[in-house]
């Protein structure tokens, strides 16, 4: 026996509701997946920002430590020069080029001229007496070949 029109309409309506419900459930799942994606993306960006900040902090600390080590090198070379060791001999002992030794000595002269001013001594010696204007004796510089 053939179904009545109302039964056919009811069945069609039920199929449409099921299809719509499945479509809405799928849409809800897709929305939730999209939400999870954007949350994960935000977390990834935050992780990278934090890492960049830590890298910058580590780099700054490393630069400070390297500068202190460089200052120690300058002091050693200046100390050797203070012992009246020639520039070529310093270069040989430290396995440096003469130009590198001269650059370190130049840094030594620059740091000593600014360190007195920074310490607040100006033209005074550290003991409070007036500093002498006499230049220290210098050895003639070797000619560079």
N, C-alpha and C. Protein backbone atom coordinates (compact mmCIF):
# COMPACT_ATOMS: atom_id res chain seq x y z
N UNK A 1 0.82 -1.16 0.00
CA UNK A 1 0.00 0.00 0.00
C UNK A 1 0.88 1.24 0.00
N UNK A 2 0.48 2.23 -0.71
CA UNK A 2 1.23 3.46 -0.85
C UNK A 2 1.03 4.32 0.38
N UNK A 3 2.14 5.02 0.74
CA UNK A 3 2.05 5.89 1.91
C UNK A 3 1.24 7.12 1.57
N UNK A 4 0.73 7.69 2.58
CA UNK A 4 -0.03 8.91 2.39
C UNK A 4 0.93 10.08 2.24
N UNK A 5 0.43 11.16 1.69
CA UNK A 5 1.26 12.33 1.48
C UNK A 5 1.83 12.85 2.79
N UNK A 6 1.06 12.88 3.82
CA UNK A 6 1.52 13.41 5.10
C UNK A 6 2.63 12.54 5.68
N UNK A 7 2.55 11.23 5.49
CA UNK A 7 3.60 10.34 5.98
C UNK A 7 4.88 10.58 5.21
N UNK A 8 4.78 10.80 3.92
CA UNK A 8 5.94 11.06 3.08
C UNK A 8 6.57 12.40 3.48
N UNK A 9 5.73 13.39 3.73
CA UNK A 9 6.25 14.69 4.16
C UNK A 9 6.93 14.58 5.52
N UNK A 10 6.34 13.83 6.41
CA UNK A 10 6.92 13.65 7.74
C UNK A 10 8.27 12.96 7.64
N UNK A 11 8.35 11.94 6.81
CA UNK A 11 9.61 11.22 6.63
C UNK A 11 10.66 12.14 6.01
N UNK A 12 10.28 12.93 5.04
CA UNK A 12 11.20 13.86 4.40
C UNK A 12 11.68 14.91 5.40
N UNK A 13 10.75 15.37 6.21
CA UNK A 13 11.11 16.36 7.23
C UNK A 13 12.11 15.77 8.23
N UNK A 14 11.90 14.52 8.65
CA UNK A 14 12.82 13.85 9.58
C UNK A 14 14.21 13.69 8.96
N UNK A 15 14.25 13.30 7.69
CA UNK A 15 15.54 13.16 7.01
C UNK A 15 16.24 14.51 6.93
N UNK A 16 15.49 15.55 6.65
CA UNK A 16 16.06 16.89 6.57
C UNK A 16 16.59 17.34 7.94
N UNK A 17 15.83 17.02 9.00
CA UNK A 17 16.28 17.37 10.35
C UNK A 17 17.56 16.63 10.71
N UNK A 18 17.63 15.32 10.38
CA UNK A 18 18.85 14.53 10.67
C UNK A 18 20.04 15.11 9.91
N UNK A 19 19.81 15.42 8.64
CA UNK A 19 20.89 15.99 7.83
C UNK A 19 21.33 17.34 8.40
N UNK A 20 20.36 18.16 8.80
CA UNK A 20 20.69 19.46 9.38
C UNK A 20 21.42 19.29 10.71
N UNK A 21 20.97 18.32 11.53
CA UNK A 21 21.62 18.07 12.81
C UNK A 21 23.06 17.60 12.59
N UNK A 22 23.26 16.71 11.63
CA UNK A 22 24.61 16.24 11.32
C UNK A 22 25.47 17.40 10.82
N UNK A 23 24.88 18.24 9.99
CA UNK A 23 25.60 19.40 9.47
C UNK A 23 25.96 20.36 10.60
N UNK A 24 25.02 20.59 11.52
CA UNK A 24 25.29 21.48 12.64
C UNK A 24 26.34 20.89 13.57
N UNK A 25 26.27 19.57 13.80
CA UNK A 25 27.27 18.91 14.64
C UNK A 25 28.66 19.02 14.00
N UNK A 26 28.71 18.82 12.68
CA UNK A 26 29.98 18.94 11.96
C UNK A 26 30.50 20.37 12.05
N UNK A 27 29.61 21.33 11.88
CA UNK A 27 30.00 22.74 11.96
C UNK A 27 30.53 23.06 13.35
N UNK A 28 29.90 22.52 14.39
CA UNK A 28 30.36 22.74 15.76
C UNK A 28 31.75 22.14 15.96
N UNK A 29 31.96 20.92 15.42
CA UNK A 29 33.29 20.29 15.53
C UNK A 29 34.34 21.14 14.81
N UNK A 30 33.99 21.66 13.63
CA UNK A 30 34.92 22.50 12.88
C UNK A 30 35.23 23.80 13.63
N UNK A 31 34.22 24.38 14.26
CA UNK A 31 34.45 25.58 15.07
C UNK A 31 35.40 25.30 16.23
N UNK A 32 35.18 24.17 16.90
CA UNK A 32 36.05 23.79 18.02
C UNK A 32 37.47 23.53 17.55
N UNK A 33 37.61 22.86 16.39
CA UNK A 33 38.95 22.62 15.85
C UNK A 33 39.64 23.94 15.48
N UNK A 34 38.88 24.86 14.89
CA UNK A 34 39.44 26.17 14.55
C UNK A 34 39.88 26.92 15.80
N UNK A 35 39.07 26.83 16.84
CA UNK A 35 39.40 27.48 18.11
C UNK A 35 40.69 26.90 18.67
N UNK A 36 40.82 25.59 18.67
CA UNK A 36 42.04 24.94 19.17
C UNK A 36 43.26 25.36 18.35
N UNK A 37 43.06 25.50 17.03
CA UNK A 37 44.16 25.93 16.17
C UNK A 37 44.66 27.31 16.58
N UNK A 38 43.73 28.26 16.75
CA UNK A 38 44.13 29.63 17.06
C UNK A 38 44.72 29.74 18.47
N UNK A 39 44.24 28.93 19.40
CA UNK A 39 44.85 28.90 20.73
C UNK A 39 46.28 28.40 20.63
N UNK A 40 46.49 27.32 19.86
CA UNK A 40 47.84 26.77 19.69
C UNK A 40 48.75 27.78 18.98
N UNK A 41 48.21 28.49 18.01
CA UNK A 41 48.99 29.50 17.30
C UNK A 41 49.43 30.60 18.27
N UNK A 42 48.53 31.05 19.12
CA UNK A 42 48.86 32.07 20.11
C UNK A 42 49.93 31.58 21.08
N UNK A 43 49.82 30.32 21.50
CA UNK A 43 50.83 29.76 22.39
C UNK A 43 52.19 29.71 21.70
N UNK A 44 52.21 29.31 20.43
CA UNK A 44 53.46 29.24 19.68
C UNK A 44 54.10 30.63 19.58
N UNK A 45 53.29 31.64 19.30
CA UNK A 45 53.82 33.00 19.20
C UNK A 45 54.36 33.47 20.55
N UNK A 46 53.66 33.15 21.62
CA UNK A 46 54.11 33.54 22.95
C UNK A 46 55.42 32.84 23.29
N UNK A 47 55.53 31.58 22.95
CA UNK A 47 56.77 30.84 23.20
C UNK A 47 57.93 31.49 22.45
N UNK A 48 57.70 31.86 21.19
CA UNK A 48 58.76 32.48 20.40
C UNK A 48 59.13 33.86 20.95
N UNK A 49 58.16 34.64 21.39
CA UNK A 49 58.46 35.95 21.98
C UNK A 49 59.29 35.79 23.24
N UNK A 50 58.92 34.84 24.08
CA UNK A 50 59.67 34.58 25.31
C UNK A 50 61.09 34.15 24.98
N UNK A 51 61.22 33.27 23.99
CA UNK A 51 62.55 32.81 23.58
C UNK A 51 63.39 33.97 23.06
N UNK A 52 62.80 34.85 22.28
CA UNK A 52 63.54 36.00 21.75
C UNK A 52 64.01 36.91 22.89
N UNK A 53 63.17 37.10 23.90
CA UNK A 53 63.57 37.91 25.05
C UNK A 53 64.73 37.26 25.78
N UNK A 54 64.64 35.95 25.98
CA UNK A 54 65.72 35.24 26.67
C UNK A 54 67.01 35.29 25.86
N UNK A 55 66.89 35.16 24.54
CA UNK A 55 68.06 35.24 23.67
C UNK A 55 68.71 36.62 23.81
N UNK A 56 67.90 37.67 23.81
CA UNK A 56 68.43 39.03 23.94
C UNK A 56 69.14 39.21 25.28
N UNK A 57 68.55 38.67 26.35
CA UNK A 57 69.17 38.77 27.67
C UNK A 57 70.48 38.01 27.71
N UNK A 58 70.49 36.80 27.15
CA UNK A 58 71.71 36.00 27.13
C UNK A 58 72.78 36.69 26.29
N UNK A 59 72.37 37.24 25.14
CA UNK A 59 73.33 37.93 24.27
C UNK A 59 73.93 39.14 25.00
N UNK A 60 73.11 39.92 25.69
CA UNK A 60 73.61 41.09 26.42
C UNK A 60 74.58 40.67 27.51
N UNK A 61 74.25 39.61 28.23
CA UNK A 61 75.14 39.11 29.28
C UNK A 61 76.45 38.62 28.67
N UNK A 62 76.37 37.90 27.55
CA UNK A 62 77.58 37.40 26.90
C UNK A 62 78.44 38.55 26.41
N UNK A 63 77.82 39.60 25.88
CA UNK A 63 78.58 40.76 25.42
C UNK A 63 79.30 41.44 26.58
N UNK A 64 78.63 41.53 27.73
CA UNK A 64 79.27 42.12 28.91
C UNK A 64 80.46 41.27 29.37
N UNK A 65 80.26 39.96 29.42
CA UNK A 65 81.33 39.07 29.84
C UNK A 65 82.49 39.10 28.85
N UNK A 66 82.18 39.15 27.56
CA UNK A 66 83.23 39.23 26.55
C UNK A 66 83.99 40.55 26.67
N UNK A 67 83.28 41.63 26.98
CA UNK A 67 83.95 42.92 27.16
C UNK A 67 84.88 42.88 28.36
N UNK A 68 84.46 42.22 29.44
CA UNK A 68 85.34 42.09 30.61
C UNK A 68 86.58 41.26 30.26
N UNK A 69 86.38 40.20 29.48
CA UNK A 69 87.52 39.37 29.07
C UNK A 69 88.46 40.17 28.17
N UNK A 70 87.89 40.98 27.29
CA UNK A 70 88.71 41.82 26.41
C UNK A 70 89.48 42.83 27.24
N UNK A 71 88.84 43.40 28.26
CA UNK A 71 89.54 44.33 29.15
C UNK A 71 90.69 43.63 29.86
N UNK A 72 90.49 42.38 30.24
CA UNK A 72 91.57 41.62 30.87
C UNK A 72 92.73 41.44 29.90
N UNK A 73 92.42 41.17 28.63
CA UNK A 73 93.48 41.06 27.62
C UNK A 73 94.24 42.38 27.51
N UNK A 74 93.51 43.47 27.48
CA UNK A 74 94.13 44.78 27.37
C UNK A 74 95.05 45.03 28.56
N UNK A 75 94.60 44.68 29.76
CA UNK A 75 95.42 44.88 30.95
C UNK A 75 96.69 44.04 30.91
N UNK A 76 96.57 42.81 30.41
CA UNK A 76 97.75 41.94 30.32
C UNK A 76 98.77 42.54 29.37
N UNK A 77 98.31 42.96 28.20
CA UNK A 77 99.22 43.55 27.22
C UNK A 77 99.84 44.84 27.78
N UNK A 78 99.03 45.66 28.43
CA UNK A 78 99.55 46.89 29.03
C UNK A 78 100.56 46.56 30.13
N UNK A 79 100.30 45.52 30.88
CA UNK A 79 101.24 45.10 31.91
C UNK A 79 102.57 44.66 31.32
N UNK A 80 102.50 43.94 30.21
CA UNK A 80 103.74 43.52 29.54
C UNK A 80 104.48 44.75 29.01
N UNK A 81 103.74 45.69 28.46
CA UNK A 81 104.37 46.92 27.96
C UNK A 81 104.96 47.69 29.12
N UNK A 82 104.30 47.66 30.27
CA UNK A 82 104.82 48.31 31.47
C UNK A 82 106.13 47.69 31.94
N UNK A 83 106.33 46.44 31.61
CA UNK A 83 107.59 45.75 31.92
C UNK A 83 108.65 46.03 30.86
N UNK A 84 108.36 46.97 29.99
CA UNK A 84 109.26 47.40 28.92
C UNK A 84 109.56 46.29 27.92
N UNK A 85 108.54 45.50 27.64
CA UNK A 85 108.65 44.48 26.60
C UNK A 85 108.25 45.15 25.30
N UNK A 86 108.99 44.88 24.24
CA UNK A 86 108.68 45.51 22.95
C UNK A 86 107.40 44.94 22.36
N UNK A 87 106.80 45.71 21.48
CA UNK A 87 105.55 45.29 20.84
C UNK A 87 105.75 43.99 20.07
N UNK A 88 106.82 43.86 19.27
CA UNK A 88 107.00 42.58 18.56
C UNK A 88 107.18 41.39 19.51
N UNK A 89 107.85 41.62 20.63
CA UNK A 89 108.03 40.51 21.59
C UNK A 89 106.70 40.14 22.25
N UNK A 90 105.90 41.15 22.58
CA UNK A 90 104.57 40.86 23.13
C UNK A 90 103.76 40.06 22.12
N UNK A 91 103.82 40.49 20.87
CA UNK A 91 103.09 39.79 19.82
C UNK A 91 103.54 38.34 19.72
N UNK A 92 104.83 38.12 19.78
CA UNK A 92 105.36 36.76 19.68
C UNK A 92 104.92 35.93 20.89
N UNK A 93 105.03 36.49 22.07
CA UNK A 93 104.69 35.74 23.29
C UNK A 93 103.20 35.38 23.34
N UNK A 94 102.37 36.26 22.82
CA UNK A 94 100.92 36.04 22.91
C UNK A 94 100.33 35.50 21.62
N UNK A 95 101.18 35.18 20.67
CA UNK A 95 100.75 34.66 19.38
C UNK A 95 99.73 35.59 18.71
N UNK A 96 100.08 36.86 18.71
CA UNK A 96 99.26 37.89 18.07
C UNK A 96 100.09 38.58 17.01
N UNK A 97 99.43 39.31 16.16
CA UNK A 97 100.17 40.14 15.21
C UNK A 97 100.56 41.43 15.92
N UNK A 98 101.55 42.11 15.38
CA UNK A 98 101.98 43.39 15.94
C UNK A 98 100.81 44.37 15.90
N UNK A 99 100.04 44.33 14.83
CA UNK A 99 98.88 45.23 14.72
C UNK A 99 97.86 44.96 15.83
N UNK A 100 97.64 43.69 16.14
CA UNK A 100 96.69 43.35 17.22
C UNK A 100 97.19 43.87 18.56
N UNK A 101 98.49 43.73 18.81
CA UNK A 101 99.06 44.22 20.07
C UNK A 101 98.91 45.73 20.14
N UNK A 102 99.20 46.41 19.05
CA UNK A 102 99.07 47.88 19.04
C UNK A 102 97.62 48.29 19.28
N UNK A 103 96.69 47.55 18.69
CA UNK A 103 95.27 47.87 18.90
C UNK A 103 94.90 47.68 20.37
N UNK A 104 95.41 46.63 20.99
CA UNK A 104 95.13 46.41 22.41
C UNK A 104 95.75 47.51 23.26
N UNK A 105 96.97 47.92 22.90
CA UNK A 105 97.62 49.01 23.64
C UNK A 105 96.86 50.33 23.44
N UNK A 106 96.33 50.53 22.25
CA UNK A 106 95.53 51.73 21.98
C UNK A 106 94.27 51.70 22.85
N UNK A 107 93.64 50.51 22.95
CA UNK A 107 92.47 50.36 23.83
C UNK A 107 92.85 50.63 25.28
N UNK A 108 94.05 50.21 25.65
CA UNK A 108 94.52 50.42 27.01
C UNK A 108 94.66 51.90 27.29
N UNK A 109 95.25 52.62 26.35
CA UNK A 109 95.43 54.06 26.52
C UNK A 109 94.07 54.76 26.56
N UNK A 110 93.16 54.33 25.72
CA UNK A 110 91.83 54.95 25.69
C UNK A 110 91.07 54.67 26.97
N UNK A 111 91.16 53.45 27.48
CA UNK A 111 90.40 53.12 28.69
C UNK A 111 90.99 53.79 29.92
N UNK A 112 92.31 53.97 29.96
CA UNK A 112 92.89 54.63 31.13
C UNK A 112 92.60 56.13 31.10
N UNK A 113 92.51 56.72 29.91
CA UNK A 113 92.22 58.16 29.85
C UNK A 113 90.77 58.43 30.22
N UNK A 114 89.86 57.52 29.90
CA UNK A 114 88.45 57.74 30.25
C UNK A 114 88.13 57.22 31.64
N UNK A 115 88.84 56.24 32.12
CA UNK A 115 88.50 55.68 33.43
C UNK A 115 88.78 56.66 34.54
N UNK A 116 89.80 57.50 34.40
CA UNK A 116 90.07 58.50 35.42
C UNK A 116 88.96 59.52 35.49
N UNK A 117 88.46 59.95 34.34
CA UNK A 117 87.37 60.91 34.31
C UNK A 117 86.10 60.31 34.87
N UNK A 118 85.83 59.04 34.53
CA UNK A 118 84.61 58.39 35.01
C UNK A 118 84.65 58.19 36.51
N UNK A 119 85.85 58.00 37.06
CA UNK A 119 85.97 57.77 38.49
C UNK A 119 85.84 59.09 39.26
N UNK A 120 85.82 60.21 38.53
CA UNK A 120 85.65 61.48 39.20
C UNK A 120 86.97 62.13 39.56
N UNK A 121 88.08 61.66 39.02
CA UNK A 121 89.37 62.22 39.37
C UNK A 121 89.72 63.41 38.50
N UNK A 122 89.27 63.42 37.26
CA UNK A 122 89.58 64.52 36.37
C UNK A 122 91.08 64.67 36.21
N UNK A 123 91.62 65.82 36.65
CA UNK A 123 93.04 66.08 36.52
C UNK A 123 93.76 65.78 37.83
N UNK A 124 93.09 65.14 38.77
CA UNK A 124 93.72 64.79 40.03
C UNK A 124 94.15 63.35 40.02
N UNK A 125 95.20 63.09 40.74
CA UNK A 125 95.64 61.71 40.92
C UNK A 125 94.69 61.06 41.93
N UNK A 126 94.62 59.73 41.96
CA UNK A 126 93.69 59.06 42.89
C UNK A 126 93.91 59.42 44.35
N UNK A 127 95.14 59.87 44.72
CA UNK A 127 95.38 60.19 46.12
C UNK A 127 94.96 61.62 46.47
N UNK A 128 94.37 62.34 45.48
CA UNK A 128 93.86 63.67 45.74
C UNK A 128 94.84 64.77 45.36
N UNK A 129 96.09 64.44 45.06
CA UNK A 129 97.07 65.44 44.66
C UNK A 129 96.90 65.76 43.19
N UNK A 130 97.45 66.89 42.80
CA UNK A 130 97.37 67.31 41.40
C UNK A 130 98.21 66.36 40.55
N UNK A 131 97.63 65.92 39.45
CA UNK A 131 98.36 65.02 38.55
C UNK A 131 99.40 65.81 37.79
N UNK A 132 100.52 65.16 37.50
CA UNK A 132 101.57 65.84 36.74
C UNK A 132 101.22 65.82 35.27
N UNK A 133 101.68 66.83 34.57
CA UNK A 133 101.38 66.94 33.15
C UNK A 133 102.46 66.29 32.31
N UNK A 134 103.45 65.70 32.95
CA UNK A 134 104.53 65.08 32.20
C UNK A 134 104.03 63.81 31.53
N UNK A 135 104.44 63.64 30.30
CA UNK A 135 104.07 62.43 29.57
C UNK A 135 105.03 61.32 29.96
N UNK A 136 104.56 60.10 30.06
CA UNK A 136 105.46 59.00 30.39
C UNK A 136 106.42 58.77 29.23
N UNK A 137 107.58 58.27 29.60
CA UNK A 137 108.58 57.99 28.56
C UNK A 137 108.05 56.89 27.66
N UNK A 138 108.34 57.04 26.37
CA UNK A 138 107.87 56.05 25.40
C UNK A 138 109.06 55.54 24.63
N UNK A 139 108.97 54.27 24.31
CA UNK A 139 109.97 53.70 23.42
C UNK A 139 109.59 54.06 22.00
N UNK A 140 110.57 54.25 21.13
CA UNK A 140 110.21 54.49 19.73
C UNK A 140 109.49 53.28 19.17
N UNK A 141 108.45 53.52 18.40
CA UNK A 141 107.66 52.42 17.84
C UNK A 141 108.42 51.80 16.68
N UNK A 142 108.36 50.48 16.61
CA UNK A 142 109.02 49.77 15.52
C UNK A 142 108.29 50.06 14.22
N UNK A 143 109.05 50.17 13.17
CA UNK A 143 108.44 50.41 11.85
C UNK A 143 107.79 49.12 11.38
N UNK A 144 106.62 49.27 10.80
CA UNK A 144 105.91 48.11 10.28
C UNK A 144 106.35 47.90 8.85
N UNK A 145 106.77 46.67 8.55
CA UNK A 145 107.27 46.39 7.20
C UNK A 145 106.15 46.20 6.24
